[in-house]
Amino acid sequence: MTLPMPPRLQWLHNRSMGATAGRWRSSGASLLLATLLTGCATTPLPPWPNPFKPSATKLPPPLYSGATPMASVRPLLPSEAVSPRTTVVASPEEAKVAAHFPDPAQRYHTPGLAAQRETFTSNAELAQWLRALAGASLSGGTQTTLLTPGASQRGEPVHALVLTRASGTDPDTLVASKRPTVLLIGQQHGDEPASSEALLVLAQELAYGQLAPLLDKINVLIVPRANPDGADSGSRATANGVDLNHDHLLLQTPEARALAVLVRDFRPTLVLDAHEYNPAGDYLAQWSALAYDDVLLQYANAAGTPEFLSKAAREWYYPAQVSALQAQALRSDWYHKPTTQGQEARMVMGATTPDNSRNANGLKHAVSAVVVTRGVGLGRAHVQRRVHAQVTAISSALRTTAERAASLEQVRSFVVRDSMAQACRDRIVLETATVPENRDISLLEPATGAVRTQRVSWESTLQPRAVQTRARPCGYWLAPSAADAVERLRLLGVQVLRVAEPGGVVAETFSATGDGAAPEPKPITLVRAALDIPTGSYYVSLSQPLANLVSAALEPDTHYSYFAHQLIGGLPEVARVVARPTLVFEEAE
């Protein structure tokens, strides 16, 4: 539907195109016009792309399926091994338990997987491995580039390897290639080493191994070790004690900022986050048993995650991963962990908060999921199997992306346009709750290794229920003093406009008792008012692709909001704009 341009917007358009265009950034004027007009349009619902039609391009068979032998490649072992500070402990598991986790037929080679090795791949070895791949002469038109989007708190580089058969390796060329880009992230938690070792294996296989033909259909960006400081010390958190996996909305750490820049610039269609979990810990405390599953899987489920992305993850990726794992005699289930809250022992699935990588990237319109293997606290026990499980699950997802490339682009195009069209109407979900179920799971007796079926109370977050909603505004106003919040939003890829001339808007301001500081946000009351807008303040429109991520950050009454964590100094610094503004903007730098 073509809409007439409102007179004020027509004036802004003419002004931006004419002699006074110096008030605008050239990209800011055209982008603002496009987003405002797109937000007024009706988004048609496309048919779900079924039945599935296999790709015309011949793809390699599933990795290690037996149809194709392992590529004959020389392992890229550094000439000078540099050991990390942490020596890996021996396996704490009894032999009868360990018997359930035999090594795979395929043996993997990385510096940290070498025979008789006591430590995993060091940061120096990882860098040398990636530099060797980036400098290799590869066949089939494959190009590689090693990027350093940031550094850790102790100065260690965060490395990212680009693998593509596009004409170049920069973000614009990859986007223009019309091939979906996949981002693989490993070792956000330093005590989860198999994730990093597996991504080194996958980098080599994509460069000149069995997976290389997939680059005819997809681009791949690999961050094998997002938390090099934690890997060096063998600790879960970053150097300042922050859990990196829960810093993807606030961006308090340089490591999270490095990942945010990659997602912002490369706009991946799929983001896979590789982790490990502790098979003892709370399992022993709650059930006097050990976990049995090799792999746990889950896709994004934050409030505001587009349903079509959830449907793609649930129907296209998850079944294929389960089948691939079963073919390798690897056991899998939905991600879950024992909860220690309350009196009753329960299993709860992955959180629905938008601060973790899985959910934050889902709100950026990627199919986003975790692959979590059994490994924390096991030292080097079953490490070949743990890496094999990661490689199997992730390579399955790479293959699905290649097979479904056209359908994924159709889905992504729809959800982006639909998100932009929701401004000023419908409702946003602020808080969700789990759905209680009962399920049977398999556990292991610690002493005997016997498999035990356990009936458990299960808190599902696959389709969480809404418990707090609020009318969706047209956008948010931020005071000039909210520069820290503006910086974080722009790192996330959000467009923020600076007010160039004073004006007024119809808004809802926030009122609360107490200071709303984390971890207990205070109840919020909305007060509708005409608000005078000063020059130098900011406007964040919801007529843009990352609208739901914006609301997650700026609605103040949640545990993860920018207000709750003092990125916004006080409630008077933010307001909900409830009617389309007639202001003069310039794009903030």
Protein backbone atom coordinates (compact mmCIF):
# COMPACT_ATOMS: atom_id res chain seq x y z
CA MET A 1 0.00 0.00 0.00
CA THR A 2 1.35 3.43 -0.96
CA LEU A 3 0.68 6.07 1.66
CA PRO A 4 0.72 9.85 1.08
CA MET A 5 3.64 11.48 2.82
CA PRO A 6 2.51 13.60 5.81
CA PRO A 7 3.20 17.32 5.22
CA ARG A 8 5.75 17.55 8.05
CA LEU A 9 7.58 14.46 6.81
CA GLN A 10 7.47 15.83 3.25
CA TRP A 11 9.11 19.00 4.55
CA LEU A 12 11.77 16.98 6.32
CA HIS A 13 12.36 14.96 3.17
CA ASN A 14 12.66 18.06 1.01
CA ARG A 15 14.93 19.69 3.55
CA SER A 16 17.19 16.67 3.75
CA MET A 17 17.51 16.57 -0.03
CA GLY A 18 18.01 20.32 -0.46
CA ALA A 19 20.46 23.06 0.43
CA THR A 20 19.98 22.61 4.19
CA ALA A 21 20.95 18.96 4.13
CA GLY A 22 23.98 19.70 6.30
CA ARG A 23 21.72 19.28 9.33
CA TRP A 24 21.37 15.59 8.38
CA ARG A 25 23.82 12.80 7.99
CA SER A 26 23.07 11.70 4.44
CA SER A 27 22.41 8.11 5.53
CA GLY A 28 20.42 9.29 8.54
CA ALA A 29 17.86 11.24 6.49
CA SER A 30 17.13 8.51 3.98
CA LEU A 31 17.09 5.79 6.62
CA LEU A 32 14.74 7.75 8.86
CA LEU A 33 12.37 8.35 5.95
CA ALA A 34 12.47 4.68 4.96
CA THR A 35 11.85 3.39 8.47
CA LEU A 36 8.98 5.76 9.18
CA LEU A 37 7.23 4.88 5.94
CA THR A 38 7.88 1.17 6.33
CA GLY A 39 6.44 1.29 9.83
CA CYS A 40 3.13 2.51 8.38
CA ALA A 41 2.86 -0.32 5.89
CA THR A 42 1.02 -3.61 6.29
CA THR A 43 3.33 -6.63 6.27
CA PRO A 44 1.93 -9.58 4.29
CA LEU A 45 2.31 -12.97 5.95
CA PRO A 46 4.26 -15.27 3.62
CA PRO A 47 3.38 -18.95 3.31
CA TRP A 48 5.58 -21.22 5.40
CA PRO A 49 8.17 -22.61 2.95
CA ASN A 50 6.92 -26.19 2.75
CA PRO A 51 7.21 -28.75 1.35
CA PHE A 52 10.98 -28.64 1.50
CA LYS A 53 12.76 -28.75 -1.83
CA PRO A 54 16.37 -29.96 -1.63
CA SER A 55 19.04 -27.59 -2.86
CA ALA A 56 20.06 -27.96 -6.48
CA THR A 57 23.67 -27.57 -5.40
CA LYS A 58 25.26 -30.85 -4.39
CA LEU A 59 26.18 -30.69 -0.73
CA PRO A 60 28.58 -32.96 1.13
CA PRO A 61 27.08 -35.83 3.11
CA PRO A 62 26.80 -35.46 6.89
CA LEU A 63 30.21 -35.23 8.49
CA TYR A 64 31.72 -38.62 9.36
CA SER A 65 28.69 -40.45 8.00
CA GLY A 66 30.88 -42.99 6.30
CA ALA A 67 29.86 -41.77 2.84
CA THR A 68 33.01 -39.65 2.60
CA PRO A 69 36.31 -40.42 4.30
CA MET A 70 37.90 -37.90 6.61
CA ALA A 71 39.79 -35.29 4.62
CA SER A 72 43.48 -36.07 4.51
CA VAL A 73 44.87 -32.86 5.97
CA ARG A 74 47.88 -32.16 8.13
CA PRO A 75 46.93 -30.88 11.58
CA LEU A 76 47.98 -27.26 12.03
CA LEU A 77 50.13 -27.73 15.12
CA PRO A 78 52.10 -24.69 16.29
CA SER A 79 55.85 -24.94 16.22
CA GLU A 80 56.06 -23.55 19.76
CA ALA A 81 53.44 -24.80 22.18
CA VAL A 82 52.57 -22.23 24.83
CA SER A 83 50.72 -23.77 27.75
CA PRO A 84 47.91 -21.98 29.55
CA ARG A 85 48.20 -21.36 33.27
CA THR A 86 45.68 -24.04 34.18
CA THR A 87 46.58 -27.73 34.15
CA VAL A 88 43.59 -29.96 33.44
CA VAL A 89 42.55 -32.32 36.22
CA ALA A 90 41.91 -36.02 35.69
CA SER A 91 38.39 -37.39 35.26
CA PRO A 92 36.42 -37.68 38.51
CA GLU A 93 34.01 -40.30 37.11
CA GLU A 94 33.95 -43.99 37.97
CA ALA A 95 34.94 -46.46 35.25
CA LYS A 96 31.38 -47.83 35.05
CA VAL A 97 30.09 -44.33 34.36
CA ALA A 98 32.86 -43.58 31.87
CA ALA A 99 31.94 -46.74 29.95
CA HIS A 100 28.81 -44.94 28.71
CA PHE A 101 30.99 -42.38 26.93
CA PRO A 102 33.41 -44.22 24.61
CA ASP A 103 35.62 -42.29 22.21
CA PRO A 104 34.31 -41.90 18.65
CA ALA A 105 35.88 -43.77 15.75
CA GLN A 106 37.08 -40.44 14.37
CA ARG A 107 40.01 -38.83 16.16
CA TYR A 108 40.30 -35.05 16.12
CA HIS A 109 43.53 -33.05 16.02
CA THR A 110 44.13 -29.65 17.56
CA PRO A 111 47.01 -28.51 19.77
CA GLY A 112 44.91 -29.15 22.86
CA LEU A 113 43.81 -32.60 21.71
CA ALA A 114 47.31 -33.96 21.13
CA ALA A 115 48.16 -37.30 22.76
CA GLN A 116 49.66 -37.10 26.26
CA ARG A 117 48.65 -33.45 26.47
CA GLU A 118 47.68 -32.16 29.94
CA THR A 119 46.34 -28.75 28.90
CA PHE A 120 43.93 -27.54 26.25
CA THR A 121 44.87 -25.23 23.38
CA SER A 122 46.46 -22.04 24.71
CA ASN A 123 45.59 -18.56 23.48
CA ALA A 124 48.89 -18.35 21.61
CA GLU A 125 48.33 -21.74 19.96
CA LEU A 126 44.79 -20.79 18.99
CA ALA A 127 46.02 -17.59 17.34
CA GLN A 128 48.73 -19.48 15.44
CA TRP A 129 46.18 -22.08 14.25
CA LEU A 130 43.86 -19.38 12.92
CA ARG A 131 46.69 -17.40 11.31
CA ALA A 132 47.80 -20.55 9.50
CA LEU A 133 44.28 -21.04 8.11
CA ALA A 134 43.99 -17.37 7.16
CA GLY A 135 47.31 -17.52 5.32
CA ALA A 136 46.73 -20.83 3.55
CA SER A 137 46.26 -21.14 -0.21
CA LEU A 138 42.84 -22.76 -0.52
CA SER A 139 41.02 -24.34 -3.46
CA GLY A 140 37.51 -23.77 -4.76
CA GLY A 141 37.65 -20.01 -4.45
CA THR A 142 37.65 -20.12 -0.65
CA GLN A 143 38.85 -16.92 0.99
CA THR A 144 39.73 -16.49 4.65
CA THR A 145 40.46 -13.45 6.80
CA LEU A 146 41.41 -13.27 10.46
CA LEU A 147 39.72 -10.40 12.28
CA THR A 148 40.30 -9.00 15.75
CA PRO A 149 37.06 -7.22 16.70
CA GLY A 150 38.29 -6.54 20.22
CA ALA A 151 40.50 -7.60 23.09
CA SER A 152 39.89 -9.13 26.48
CA GLN A 153 40.28 -7.26 29.75
CA ARG A 154 43.84 -8.57 30.06
CA GLY A 155 44.71 -7.59 26.50
CA GLU A 156 44.30 -10.96 24.77
CA PRO A 157 42.85 -10.57 21.25
CA VAL A 158 39.40 -11.97 20.53
CA HIS A 159 39.88 -13.65 17.15
CA ALA A 160 37.28 -14.20 14.43
CA LEU A 161 37.94 -16.19 11.24
CA VAL A 162 35.89 -15.43 8.12
CA LEU A 163 35.48 -18.25 5.58
CA THR A 164 33.65 -17.54 2.32
CA ARG A 165 33.56 -18.08 -1.43
CA ALA A 166 32.14 -14.62 -2.04
CA SER A 167 34.26 -12.07 -3.92
CA GLY A 168 35.56 -10.61 -0.66
CA THR A 169 35.52 -11.13 3.09
CA ASP A 170 34.23 -7.74 4.29
CA PRO A 171 30.69 -7.46 5.73
CA ASP A 172 29.20 -5.57 2.77
CA THR A 173 30.46 -8.17 0.28
CA LEU A 174 29.13 -11.05 2.37
CA VAL A 175 25.71 -9.39 2.67
CA ALA A 176 25.69 -8.68 -1.08
CA SER A 177 26.54 -12.33 -1.84
CA LYS A 178 22.95 -13.29 -0.90
CA ARG A 179 24.36 -16.27 0.99
CA PRO A 180 23.37 -16.64 4.64
CA THR A 181 26.17 -15.98 7.09
CA VAL A 182 26.62 -18.27 10.10
CA LEU A 183 28.34 -17.08 13.28
CA LEU A 184 29.85 -19.76 15.54
CA ILE A 185 30.85 -18.71 19.06
CA GLY A 186 32.90 -20.85 21.44
CA GLN A 187 34.12 -20.72 25.03
CA GLN A 188 32.20 -17.75 26.38
CA HIS A 189 32.82 -19.60 29.63
CA GLY A 190 36.49 -20.32 30.18
CA ASP A 191 35.85 -23.69 31.85
CA GLU A 192 34.13 -25.12 28.74
CA PRO A 193 37.13 -26.04 26.55
CA ALA A 194 35.57 -28.60 24.19
CA SER A 195 33.59 -25.80 22.54
CA SER A 196 36.78 -24.03 21.50
CA GLU A 197 38.55 -27.21 20.38
CA ALA A 198 35.52 -28.16 18.26
CA LEU A 199 35.44 -24.79 16.51
CA LEU A 200 39.12 -25.12 15.63
CA VAL A 201 38.28 -28.47 14.03
CA LEU A 202 35.35 -26.95 12.15
CA ALA A 203 37.48 -24.05 10.92
CA GLN A 204 39.91 -26.51 9.38
CA GLU A 205 37.15 -28.67 7.88
CA LEU A 206 35.54 -25.61 6.29
CA ALA A 207 38.86 -24.36 4.94
CA TYR A 208 39.96 -27.55 3.18
CA GLY A 209 38.12 -30.54 4.61
CA GLN A 210 34.78 -32.27 4.20
CA LEU A 211 32.74 -29.14 4.96
CA ALA A 212 34.44 -26.89 2.38
CA PRO A 213 31.70 -27.41 -0.29
CA LEU A 214 29.18 -25.79 2.06
CA LEU A 215 30.88 -22.46 1.34
CA ASP A 216 29.23 -22.50 -2.09
CA LYS A 217 25.98 -21.80 -0.22
CA ILE A 218 26.91 -20.08 3.06
CA ASN A 219 29.48 -17.78 4.67
CA VAL A 220 30.90 -18.72 8.07
CA LEU A 221 32.36 -16.54 10.82
CA ILE A 222 34.05 -18.39 13.70
CA VAL A 223 35.00 -17.01 17.12
CA PRO A 224 36.58 -20.09 18.74
CA ARG A 225 37.28 -18.42 22.08
CA ALA A 226 35.20 -15.43 23.14
CA ASN A 227 36.65 -15.37 26.68
CA PRO A 228 40.43 -15.83 26.38
CA ASP A 229 41.08 -14.65 29.95
CA GLY A 230 38.68 -17.22 31.38
CA ALA A 231 40.20 -19.93 29.20
CA ASP A 232 43.67 -19.02 30.45
CA SER A 233 42.64 -19.28 34.09
CA GLY A 234 40.10 -22.09 33.68
CA SER A 235 37.33 -19.91 35.12
CA ARG A 236 33.76 -19.47 33.95
CA ALA A 237 33.63 -15.65 34.12
CA THR A 238 35.66 -12.92 32.48
CA ALA A 239 38.54 -11.26 34.31
CA ASN A 240 36.23 -8.81 36.14
CA GLY A 241 33.86 -11.57 37.25
CA VAL A 242 31.09 -10.90 34.71
CA ASP A 243 29.35 -13.87 33.09
CA LEU A 244 29.99 -13.07 29.42
CA ASN A 245 27.00 -15.09 28.25
CA HIS A 246 24.70 -12.75 30.18
CA ASP A 247 26.28 -9.51 28.97
CA HIS A 248 24.79 -9.27 25.48
CA LEU A 249 22.30 -6.51 26.27
CA LEU A 250 24.26 -4.36 28.73
CA LEU A 251 27.65 -4.83 26.98
CA GLN A 252 29.65 -4.17 30.15
CA THR A 253 32.68 -6.17 28.98
CA PRO A 254 34.95 -5.62 25.97
CA GLU A 255 34.45 -9.27 25.04
CA ALA A 256 30.68 -8.79 24.69
CA ARG A 257 31.24 -5.60 22.71
CA ALA A 258 33.52 -7.44 20.29
CA LEU A 259 30.81 -10.03 19.63
CA ALA A 260 28.16 -7.30 19.29
CA VAL A 261 30.21 -5.54 16.61
CA LEU A 262 30.53 -8.77 14.62
CA VAL A 263 26.78 -9.39 14.73
CA ARG A 264 26.01 -5.77 13.89
CA ASP A 265 28.34 -5.68 10.88
CA PHE A 266 27.96 -9.21 9.45
CA ARG A 267 24.22 -9.67 10.20
CA PRO A 268 24.31 -13.48 10.56
CA THR A 269 21.29 -15.58 9.66
CA LEU A 270 22.30 -18.28 12.16
CA VAL A 271 24.18 -17.84 15.44
CA LEU A 272 25.30 -21.00 17.24
CA ASP A 273 26.77 -20.68 20.71
CA ALA A 274 28.86 -23.68 21.84
CA HIS A 275 28.96 -24.50 25.56
CA GLU A 276 29.52 -27.35 28.01
CA TYR A 277 27.55 -28.28 31.13
CA ASN A 278 28.37 -29.86 34.49
CA PRO A 279 27.03 -33.44 34.66
CA ALA A 280 27.49 -33.59 38.45
CA GLY A 281 26.96 -30.42 40.52
CA ASP A 282 23.24 -29.79 40.96
CA TYR A 283 22.41 -33.20 39.46
CA LEU A 284 24.13 -34.83 42.43
CA ALA A 285 22.68 -32.34 44.89
CA GLN A 286 19.09 -32.65 43.67
CA TRP A 287 18.88 -36.21 42.33
CA SER A 288 21.94 -38.05 43.71
CA ALA A 289 22.73 -38.89 40.10
CA LEU A 290 24.80 -37.81 37.09
CA ALA A 291 23.60 -36.42 33.77
CA TYR A 292 23.44 -38.92 30.91
CA ASP A 293 22.96 -36.75 27.80
CA ASP A 294 25.91 -35.95 25.54
CA VAL A 295 24.30 -32.82 24.11
CA LEU A 296 21.61 -30.34 25.15
CA LEU A 297 20.02 -28.05 22.55
CA GLN A 298 17.79 -24.99 22.70
CA TYR A 299 16.81 -22.07 20.48
CA ALA A 300 16.01 -18.43 21.34
CA ASN A 301 12.87 -17.89 23.40
CA ALA A 302 12.97 -14.32 24.74
CA ALA A 303 9.80 -12.25 24.68
CA GLY A 304 9.64 -10.63 21.26
CA THR A 305 11.50 -13.39 19.39
CA PRO A 306 9.73 -13.64 16.02
CA GLU A 307 7.61 -16.79 15.88
CA PHE A 308 8.83 -17.63 12.38
CA LEU A 309 12.42 -17.78 13.65
CA SER A 310 11.35 -20.08 16.49
CA LYS A 311 9.47 -22.22 13.98
CA ALA A 312 12.54 -22.46 11.73
CA ALA A 313 14.71 -23.49 14.68
CA ARG A 314 12.16 -25.99 15.95
CA GLU A 315 11.20 -27.59 12.62
CA TRP A 316 14.31 -27.25 10.45
CA TYR A 317 17.34 -27.27 12.73
CA TYR A 318 16.48 -29.24 15.86
CA PRO A 319 15.20 -32.47 14.20
CA ALA A 320 18.19 -32.55 11.85
CA GLN A 321 20.62 -32.14 14.74
CA VAL A 322 18.93 -34.87 16.77
CA SER A 323 19.07 -37.24 13.78
CA ALA A 324 22.73 -36.48 13.15
CA LEU A 325 23.59 -37.08 16.80
CA GLN A 326 21.62 -40.32 16.92
CA ALA A 327 23.48 -41.55 13.84
CA GLN A 328 26.70 -41.15 15.86
CA ALA A 329 25.22 -42.88 18.96
CA LEU A 330 25.16 -39.57 20.83
CA ARG A 331 22.32 -38.85 23.26
CA SER A 332 20.56 -35.47 23.23
CA ASP A 333 17.66 -33.57 24.78
CA TRP A 334 16.39 -30.04 25.16
CA TYR A 335 18.65 -27.89 27.31
CA HIS A 336 17.74 -28.13 30.98
CA LYS A 337 19.35 -27.86 34.39
CA PRO A 338 18.32 -28.73 37.96
CA THR A 339 16.97 -25.80 39.89
CA THR A 340 17.79 -25.19 43.52
CA GLN A 341 14.94 -22.73 44.06
CA GLY A 342 12.07 -23.84 46.28
CA GLN A 343 11.53 -27.14 48.05
CA GLU A 344 10.72 -29.36 45.08
CA ALA A 345 13.53 -30.58 42.86
CA ARG A 346 12.77 -29.53 39.29
CA MET A 347 14.34 -29.23 35.87
CA VAL A 348 14.14 -25.85 34.16
CA MET A 349 14.96 -25.08 30.54
CA GLY A 350 17.09 -22.15 29.37
CA ALA A 351 16.20 -18.65 30.53
CA THR A 352 13.94 -16.33 28.54
CA THR A 353 15.83 -13.16 29.48
CA PRO A 354 17.23 -11.13 26.54
CA ASP A 355 20.67 -10.67 28.08
CA ASN A 356 22.18 -14.01 27.01
CA SER A 357 23.71 -14.63 23.59
CA ARG A 358 21.01 -17.07 22.47
CA ASN A 359 18.16 -14.66 23.13
CA ALA A 360 19.85 -11.36 22.26
CA ASN A 361 20.77 -12.68 18.83
CA GLY A 362 17.26 -14.04 18.34
CA LEU A 363 16.00 -10.49 18.90
CA LYS A 364 18.42 -9.43 16.15
CA HIS A 365 16.53 -11.68 13.73
CA ALA A 366 18.99 -14.57 13.63
CA VAL A 367 18.01 -18.17 14.16
CA SER A 368 19.92 -18.47 17.42
CA ALA A 369 20.63 -21.57 19.47
CA VAL A 370 23.03 -23.24 21.88
CA VAL A 371 24.86 -26.55 21.60
CA VAL A 372 25.83 -27.65 25.13
CA THR A 373 27.91 -30.79 25.65
CA ARG A 374 28.56 -32.78 28.82
CA GLY A 375 31.95 -31.62 30.07
CA VAL A 376 32.36 -29.01 32.82
CA GLY A 377 34.40 -30.48 35.67
CA LEU A 378 35.48 -33.55 33.70
CA GLY A 379 39.02 -32.42 32.90
CA ARG A 380 40.13 -34.25 29.75
CA ALA A 381 37.74 -37.16 30.25
CA HIS A 382 35.82 -38.06 27.09
CA VAL A 383 37.24 -34.99 25.35
CA GLN A 384 37.25 -36.64 21.91
CA ARG A 385 33.60 -37.56 22.38
CA ARG A 386 32.73 -34.06 23.62
CA VAL A 387 34.38 -32.48 20.59
CA HIS A 388 32.73 -35.05 18.33
CA ALA A 389 29.32 -34.16 19.74
CA GLN A 390 29.94 -30.44 19.14
CA VAL A 391 31.22 -31.02 15.61
CA THR A 392 28.29 -33.30 14.76
CA ALA A 393 25.59 -30.92 16.01
CA ILE A 394 27.16 -27.78 14.54
CA SER A 395 27.98 -29.30 11.15
CA SER A 396 24.34 -30.45 10.95
CA ALA A 397 23.23 -26.85 11.47
CA LEU A 398 25.66 -25.64 8.80
CA ARG A 399 24.23 -28.15 6.36
CA THR A 400 20.65 -27.15 7.20
CA THR A 401 21.53 -23.50 6.57
CA ALA A 402 22.98 -24.39 3.17
CA GLU A 403 19.94 -26.49 2.25
CA ARG A 404 17.43 -23.91 3.46
CA ALA A 405 19.23 -20.76 2.33
CA ALA A 406 16.40 -19.40 0.17
CA SER A 407 13.70 -20.16 2.74
CA LEU A 408 15.76 -18.62 5.54
CA GLU A 409 16.11 -15.41 3.55
CA GLN A 410 12.35 -15.35 3.00
CA VAL A 411 11.70 -15.81 6.71
CA ARG A 412 14.27 -13.21 7.73
CA SER A 413 12.91 -10.65 5.26
CA PHE A 414 9.42 -11.13 6.65
CA VAL A 415 10.32 -10.88 10.34
CA VAL A 416 12.40 -7.74 9.75
CA ARG A 417 9.54 -6.00 7.94
CA ASP A 418 6.99 -7.26 10.44
CA SER A 419 9.01 -5.98 13.40
CA MET A 420 9.24 -2.54 11.81
CA ALA A 421 5.50 -2.49 11.14
CA GLN A 422 4.51 -3.11 14.77
CA ALA A 423 5.42 0.37 16.05
CA CYS A 424 2.59 2.30 17.73
CA ARG A 425 0.30 -0.74 17.87
CA ASP A 426 -0.27 -4.06 19.60
CA ARG A 427 1.60 -4.89 22.82
CA ILE A 428 5.08 -5.75 23.99
CA VAL A 429 5.75 -8.55 26.46
CA LEU A 430 7.91 -7.48 29.39
CA GLU A 431 7.95 -10.68 31.42
CA THR A 432 7.25 -14.34 30.72
CA ALA A 433 6.91 -17.46 32.84
CA THR A 434 7.72 -21.11 32.30
CA VAL A 435 5.09 -23.71 31.44
CA PRO A 436 5.03 -26.59 33.98
CA GLU A 437 5.16 -30.14 32.65
CA ASN A 438 6.18 -33.60 33.81
CA ARG A 439 8.81 -35.57 31.93
CA ASP A 440 10.91 -38.70 32.19
CA ILE A 441 14.67 -38.21 31.90
CA SER A 442 17.57 -40.63 32.04
CA LEU A 443 20.21 -40.26 34.77
CA LEU A 444 23.24 -42.30 35.84
CA GLU A 445 23.93 -43.83 39.23
CA PRO A 446 27.34 -42.39 40.25
CA ALA A 447 28.74 -45.59 41.77
CA THR A 448 27.40 -48.28 39.45
CA GLY A 449 26.81 -46.46 36.16
CA ALA A 450 23.29 -47.89 36.00
CA VAL A 451 20.83 -45.89 33.89
CA ARG A 452 17.87 -44.64 35.90
CA THR A 453 14.60 -43.25 34.57
CA GLN A 454 13.49 -40.32 36.69
CA ARG A 455 10.10 -38.61 36.56
CA VAL A 456 10.68 -34.88 37.07
CA SER A 457 8.76 -31.64 37.26
CA TRP A 458 9.86 -29.81 34.12
CA GLU A 459 9.65 -26.05 33.56
CA SER A 460 9.44 -25.54 29.79
CA THR A 461 10.49 -22.31 28.11
CA LEU A 462 9.97 -23.44 24.52
CA GLN A 463 6.74 -21.43 24.37
CA PRO A 464 6.76 -19.28 27.52
CA ARG A 465 3.55 -17.59 28.63
CA ALA A 466 3.28 -13.82 28.93
CA VAL A 467 2.69 -12.49 32.45
CA GLN A 468 3.32 -8.76 31.96
CA THR A 469 2.54 -6.77 28.81
CA ARG A 470 2.36 -3.11 27.88
CA ALA A 471 1.12 -1.15 24.86
CA ARG A 472 3.84 -0.79 22.25
CA PRO A 473 4.98 2.83 21.81
CA CYS A 474 6.17 4.46 18.61
CA GLY A 475 9.62 4.89 20.09
CA TYR A 476 11.58 6.13 23.08
CA TRP A 477 12.98 9.52 24.00
CA LEU A 478 16.30 9.65 25.85
CA ALA A 479 17.75 12.69 27.61
CA PRO A 480 21.12 14.15 26.49
CA SER A 481 22.62 12.64 29.67
CA ALA A 482 21.81 9.09 28.47
CA ALA A 483 24.92 8.92 26.29
CA ASP A 484 26.05 5.59 27.81
CA ALA A 485 22.76 3.96 26.84
CA VAL A 486 22.99 5.44 23.34
CA GLU A 487 26.50 4.03 22.91
CA ARG A 488 25.38 0.50 23.89
CA LEU A 489 22.33 0.65 21.62
CA ARG A 490 24.44 1.66 18.64
CA LEU A 491 26.90 -1.17 19.33
CA LEU A 492 23.92 -3.53 19.19
CA GLY A 493 23.01 -2.16 15.75
CA VAL A 494 20.14 0.08 16.83
CA GLN A 495 19.59 3.34 14.96
CA VAL A 496 19.55 6.30 17.37
CA LEU A 497 18.64 9.78 16.12
CA ARG A 498 19.71 13.02 17.78
CA VAL A 499 17.17 15.81 18.06
CA ALA A 500 18.44 18.76 15.98
CA GLU A 501 15.83 21.37 16.97
CA PRO A 502 13.59 21.78 20.03
CA GLY A 503 10.10 20.33 19.74
CA GLY A 504 7.41 18.42 21.54
CA VAL A 505 5.98 14.89 21.64
CA VAL A 506 3.09 13.03 23.21
CA ALA A 507 4.72 10.66 25.66
CA GLU A 508 4.35 8.43 28.68
CA THR A 509 6.82 9.09 31.46
CA PHE A 510 7.71 6.58 34.16
CA SER A 511 7.12 6.93 37.88
CA ALA A 512 8.36 4.47 40.52
CA THR A 513 8.97 4.23 44.24
CA GLY A 514 12.59 3.60 45.19
CA ASP A 515 15.57 3.80 42.88
CA GLY A 516 14.82 0.67 40.82
CA ALA A 517 18.36 -0.59 41.20
CA ALA A 518 19.22 -4.18 40.27
CA PRO A 519 18.38 -6.82 41.24
CA GLU A 520 14.88 -5.76 42.37
CA PRO A 521 13.15 -3.36 39.93
CA LYS A 522 10.36 -1.29 41.46
CA PRO A 523 6.75 -1.14 40.20
CA ILE A 524 6.29 1.37 37.40
CA THR A 525 3.39 3.74 36.74
CA LEU A 526 2.94 5.40 33.33
CA VAL A 527 2.01 9.09 33.22
CA ARG A 528 0.79 10.47 29.88
CA ALA A 529 1.98 14.00 29.14
CA ALA A 530 3.09 16.47 26.47
CA LEU A 531 6.88 16.46 26.69
CA ASP A 532 9.17 19.30 25.63
CA ILE A 533 12.12 17.84 23.72
CA PRO A 534 15.45 19.69 23.89
CA THR A 535 18.13 19.82 21.23
CA GLY A 536 20.78 17.18 21.81
CA SER A 537 18.43 14.59 23.26
CA TYR A 538 17.75 11.33 21.41
CA TYR A 539 14.92 9.47 19.73
CA VAL A 540 14.91 5.70 19.20
CA SER A 541 12.17 4.74 16.77
CA LEU A 542 10.51 1.32 16.96
CA SER A 543 10.01 1.48 13.19
CA GLN A 544 13.33 -0.33 12.79
CA PRO A 545 14.40 -3.98 12.65
CA LEU A 546 15.70 -4.27 16.23
CA ALA A 547 12.57 -2.79 17.81
CA ASN A 548 12.04 -5.63 20.28
CA LEU A 549 15.65 -5.44 21.44
CA VAL A 550 15.16 -1.70 22.02
CA SER A 551 12.14 -2.33 24.24
CA ALA A 552 14.03 -4.99 26.20
CA ALA A 553 16.72 -2.41 26.99
CA LEU A 554 14.60 0.69 27.61
CA GLU A 555 11.44 -0.47 29.40
CA PRO A 556 12.77 0.18 32.93
CA ASP A 557 10.94 -2.31 35.16
CA THR A 558 12.88 -5.51 34.45
CA HIS A 559 15.99 -7.04 36.01
CA TYR A 560 17.98 -6.57 32.80
CA SER A 561 16.96 -3.04 31.72
CA TYR A 562 19.38 -0.18 31.18
CA PHE A 563 17.67 1.72 34.01
CA ALA A 564 18.00 -1.20 36.45
CA HIS A 565 21.75 -1.29 35.76
CA GLN A 566 22.28 2.49 35.87
CA LEU A 567 23.09 2.95 32.19
CA ILE A 568 20.17 5.37 32.41
CA GLY A 569 20.65 7.52 35.48
CA GLY A 570 17.01 8.08 36.39
CA LEU A 571 13.46 7.64 35.15
CA PRO A 572 13.22 11.28 33.95
CA GLU A 573 15.91 10.42 31.36
CA VAL A 574 13.63 8.10 29.36
CA ALA A 575 10.06 8.26 28.07
CA ARG A 576 7.78 6.28 25.78
CA VAL A 577 6.74 8.30 22.70
CA VAL A 578 3.16 7.22 21.94
CA ALA A 579 2.43 9.27 18.80
CA ARG A 580 4.65 9.60 15.75
CA PRO A 581 6.93 12.58 16.42
CA THR A 582 7.28 15.63 14.18
CA LEU A 583 10.83 16.49 15.08
CA VAL A 584 13.96 17.39 13.15
CA PHE A 585 16.63 14.74 13.64
CA GLU A 586 20.21 14.06 12.82
CA GLU A 587 21.73 10.65 13.19
CA ALA A 588 23.78 10.36 16.36
CA GLU A 589 27.44 9.52 15.94
